[in-house]
Amino acid sequence: VAKVPLEVFMLNNTANIKDLDRPLAGTKLLICNPATGTTVGGTTSDPQLVALQRFQAFVDTRNTITDWTAPTTLAHSADASSAYCKWRGIDCVTNAMSHQKLVQWLTVAQGNGFEGLVGILPTVDVLKAMPGLEGITISQNKGIGGTIPSQWSQLKGLNEMQIGGN
């Protein structure tokens, strides 16, 4: 079995593990090797999907965002990218050369249906996994705290940030 950090294991299985006190017998879990981006079964995982799940884990520690889940049959298939591009608060573009869908903008704001979030701003490695990211809005959620990580300056494609009222 692949050596998977506990954080990655938990993020990959957020939809299946809601109650940590409930026995896991019979629960289908995804085990992924983060170094290769492949599951133990050999299917390729989508780094943007993993990044979005990690982003959610940072800004939504209470799991109030319930519609950011890929169906378990799609979680690591080619169809997953089109699934998360339809999620609330996520705008995607299609790369003209590769025809790959890229997350272009993230909006997690109270006026956009994201109320009562509690967490912190994500680390740069989470955002780097979304190479098409041009803008991010995290606003009007008093439960999100911290400072803008200085490493965000490494995100050369990030042109606009709207972060306020947190």
Protein backbone atom coordinates (compact mmCIF):
# COMPACT_ATOMS: atom_id res chain seq x y z
CA VAL A 1 0.00 0.00 0.00
CA ALA A 2 1.25 3.52 -0.83
CA LYS A 3 2.62 5.72 1.94
CA VAL A 4 0.07 8.52 2.11
CA PRO A 5 0.27 11.44 4.56
CA LEU A 6 -2.72 11.48 6.92
CA GLU A 7 -3.71 15.01 5.76
CA VAL A 8 -3.91 13.89 2.12
CA PHE A 9 -5.80 10.72 3.06
CA MET A 10 -8.37 12.70 5.05
CA LEU A 11 -8.77 15.35 2.32
CA ASN A 12 -9.26 12.72 -0.37
CA ASN A 13 -11.95 11.03 1.70
CA THR A 14 -13.80 14.02 3.18
CA ALA A 15 -17.07 13.01 1.52
CA ASN A 16 -16.87 9.47 2.92
CA ILE A 17 -15.62 10.25 6.43
CA LYS A 18 -18.10 12.67 8.00
CA ASP A 19 -18.21 11.17 11.49
CA LEU A 20 -14.81 10.12 12.82
CA ASP A 21 -16.44 8.08 15.59
CA ARG A 22 -18.39 5.89 13.12
CA PRO A 23 -16.73 2.59 12.14
CA LEU A 24 -15.23 2.61 8.64
CA ALA A 25 -16.11 -1.01 7.87
CA GLY A 26 -17.62 -1.19 4.38
CA THR A 27 -16.70 2.43 3.53
CA LYS A 28 -14.97 2.92 0.18
CA LEU A 29 -11.85 5.02 0.68
CA LEU A 30 -9.42 6.52 -1.82
CA ILE A 31 -5.73 5.97 -1.22
CA CYS A 32 -3.49 8.18 -3.36
CA ASN A 33 0.26 8.41 -3.75
CA PRO A 34 0.85 12.20 -3.70
CA ALA A 35 4.29 11.88 -5.30
CA THR A 36 2.92 10.37 -8.49
CA GLY A 37 -0.66 11.61 -8.38
CA THR A 38 -2.02 8.11 -8.88
CA THR A 39 -4.35 6.05 -6.80
CA VAL A 40 -3.38 2.60 -5.65
CA GLY A 41 -5.65 1.24 -8.39
CA GLY A 42 -3.64 3.17 -10.99
CA THR A 43 -6.10 5.88 -12.05
CA THR A 44 -4.69 9.36 -12.55
CA SER A 45 -5.82 11.95 -10.02
CA ASP A 46 -6.54 15.55 -10.98
CA PRO A 47 -4.19 17.91 -9.08
CA GLN A 48 -6.71 20.77 -9.36
CA LEU A 49 -9.43 18.66 -7.72
CA VAL A 50 -7.06 17.79 -4.87
CA ALA A 51 -6.09 21.49 -4.61
CA LEU A 52 -9.74 22.55 -4.38
CA GLN A 53 -10.37 19.99 -1.65
CA ARG A 54 -7.31 21.28 0.22
CA PHE A 55 -8.44 24.91 -0.32
CA GLN A 56 -11.80 24.02 1.19
CA ALA A 57 -10.09 22.34 4.17
CA PHE A 58 -8.23 25.59 4.90
CA VAL A 59 -11.14 28.05 4.62
CA ASP A 60 -13.97 25.79 5.79
CA THR A 61 -12.92 23.86 8.88
CA ARG A 62 -16.58 23.32 9.84
CA ASN A 63 -17.43 21.68 6.47
CA THR A 64 -20.24 24.09 5.67
CA ILE A 65 -19.50 23.96 1.93
CA THR A 66 -21.44 20.82 1.08
CA ASP A 67 -21.67 21.14 -2.70
CA TRP A 68 -17.90 20.97 -3.38
CA THR A 69 -17.73 17.21 -3.67
CA ALA A 70 -17.01 15.14 -6.74
CA PRO A 71 -19.05 11.98 -7.13
CA THR A 72 -16.88 9.14 -5.83
CA THR A 73 -16.94 7.44 -9.22
CA LEU A 74 -15.55 10.62 -10.83
CA ALA A 75 -13.18 11.79 -8.13
CA HIS A 76 -10.12 10.66 -10.02
CA SER A 77 -11.30 10.34 -13.60
CA ALA A 78 -11.06 12.61 -16.63
CA ASP A 79 -14.66 13.75 -16.03
CA ALA A 80 -13.82 15.22 -12.62
CA SER A 81 -12.44 18.44 -14.12
CA SER A 82 -15.71 19.29 -15.79
CA ALA A 83 -17.49 18.47 -12.51
CA TYR A 84 -15.59 20.94 -10.32
CA CYS A 85 -15.80 23.65 -12.99
CA LYS A 86 -19.57 23.63 -12.34
CA TRP A 87 -19.21 24.08 -8.59
CA ARG A 88 -20.46 27.29 -7.00
CA GLY A 89 -17.69 29.90 -6.72
CA ILE A 90 -15.36 28.29 -9.27
CA ASP A 91 -14.81 29.66 -12.77
CA CYS A 92 -12.76 27.71 -15.29
CA VAL A 93 -11.30 28.34 -18.73
CA THR A 94 -10.21 25.84 -21.34
CA ASN A 95 -6.53 25.96 -22.28
CA ALA A 96 -6.38 26.51 -26.06
CA MET A 97 -3.34 24.27 -26.52
CA SER A 98 -4.04 21.34 -24.19
CA HIS A 99 -7.87 21.66 -24.08
CA GLN A 100 -7.56 21.08 -20.34
CA LYS A 101 -9.98 22.94 -18.07
CA LEU A 102 -8.16 25.21 -15.64
CA VAL A 103 -9.50 26.90 -12.52
CA GLN A 104 -9.31 30.61 -13.35
CA TRP A 105 -11.10 32.26 -10.42
CA LEU A 106 -12.14 31.22 -6.90
CA THR A 107 -14.91 33.15 -5.14
CA VAL A 108 -15.69 32.35 -1.53
CA ALA A 109 -17.73 35.34 -0.41
CA GLN A 110 -20.76 35.76 1.81
CA GLY A 111 -22.75 37.37 -1.02
CA ASN A 112 -22.05 34.32 -3.18
CA GLY A 113 -23.69 31.90 -0.74
CA PHE A 114 -20.66 31.14 1.42
CA GLU A 115 -21.73 32.16 4.93
CA GLY A 116 -20.17 31.28 8.25
CA LEU A 117 -16.86 29.93 7.03
CA VAL A 118 -14.17 29.40 9.64
CA GLY A 119 -10.54 28.85 8.75
CA ILE A 120 -7.38 30.45 7.44
CA LEU A 121 -6.00 31.47 4.07
CA PRO A 122 -4.46 28.52 2.21
CA THR A 123 -0.75 27.97 1.73
CA VAL A 124 0.91 28.73 -1.60
CA ASP A 125 1.30 25.05 -2.53
CA VAL A 126 -2.49 24.69 -2.61
CA LEU A 127 -2.87 27.58 -5.07
CA LYS A 128 0.15 26.56 -7.18
CA ALA A 129 -1.67 23.35 -8.09
CA MET A 130 -4.12 25.52 -10.05
CA PRO A 131 -1.87 26.88 -12.84
CA GLY A 132 -4.64 28.90 -14.51
CA LEU A 133 -5.61 30.79 -11.34
CA GLU A 134 -5.84 34.51 -12.12
CA GLY A 135 -8.05 35.74 -9.31
CA ILE A 136 -9.31 34.90 -5.86
CA THR A 137 -12.07 36.42 -3.74
CA ILE A 138 -12.34 35.54 -0.07
CA SER A 139 -14.55 38.08 1.65
CA GLN A 140 -17.17 38.80 4.28
CA ASN A 141 -16.51 35.73 6.38
CA LYS A 142 -15.55 36.89 9.87
CA GLY A 143 -14.38 33.37 10.74
CA ILE A 144 -11.52 33.40 8.22
CA GLY A 145 -8.41 34.89 9.76
CA GLY A 146 -4.69 35.26 9.40
CA THR A 147 -2.50 37.25 7.10
CA ILE A 148 -1.91 36.88 3.38
CA PRO A 149 1.00 34.44 3.14
CA SER A 150 4.07 36.19 1.70
CA GLN A 151 4.67 33.14 -0.52
CA TRP A 152 1.55 34.08 -2.52
CA SER A 153 3.89 36.50 -4.33
CA GLN A 154 5.27 33.40 -6.10
CA LEU A 155 1.95 33.04 -7.94
CA LYS A 156 2.88 34.90 -11.13
CA GLY A 157 -0.50 34.28 -12.80
CA LEU A 158 -2.51 35.64 -9.86
CA ASN A 159 -3.51 39.10 -11.06
CA GLU A 160 -6.28 40.03 -8.65
CA MET A 161 -7.12 39.34 -5.01
CA GLN A 162 -10.23 40.52 -3.25
CA ILE A 163 -9.73 39.71 0.40
CA GLY A 164 -11.59 41.74 2.96
CA GLY A 165 -14.17 41.71 5.70
CA ASN A 166 -12.76 38.53 7.16
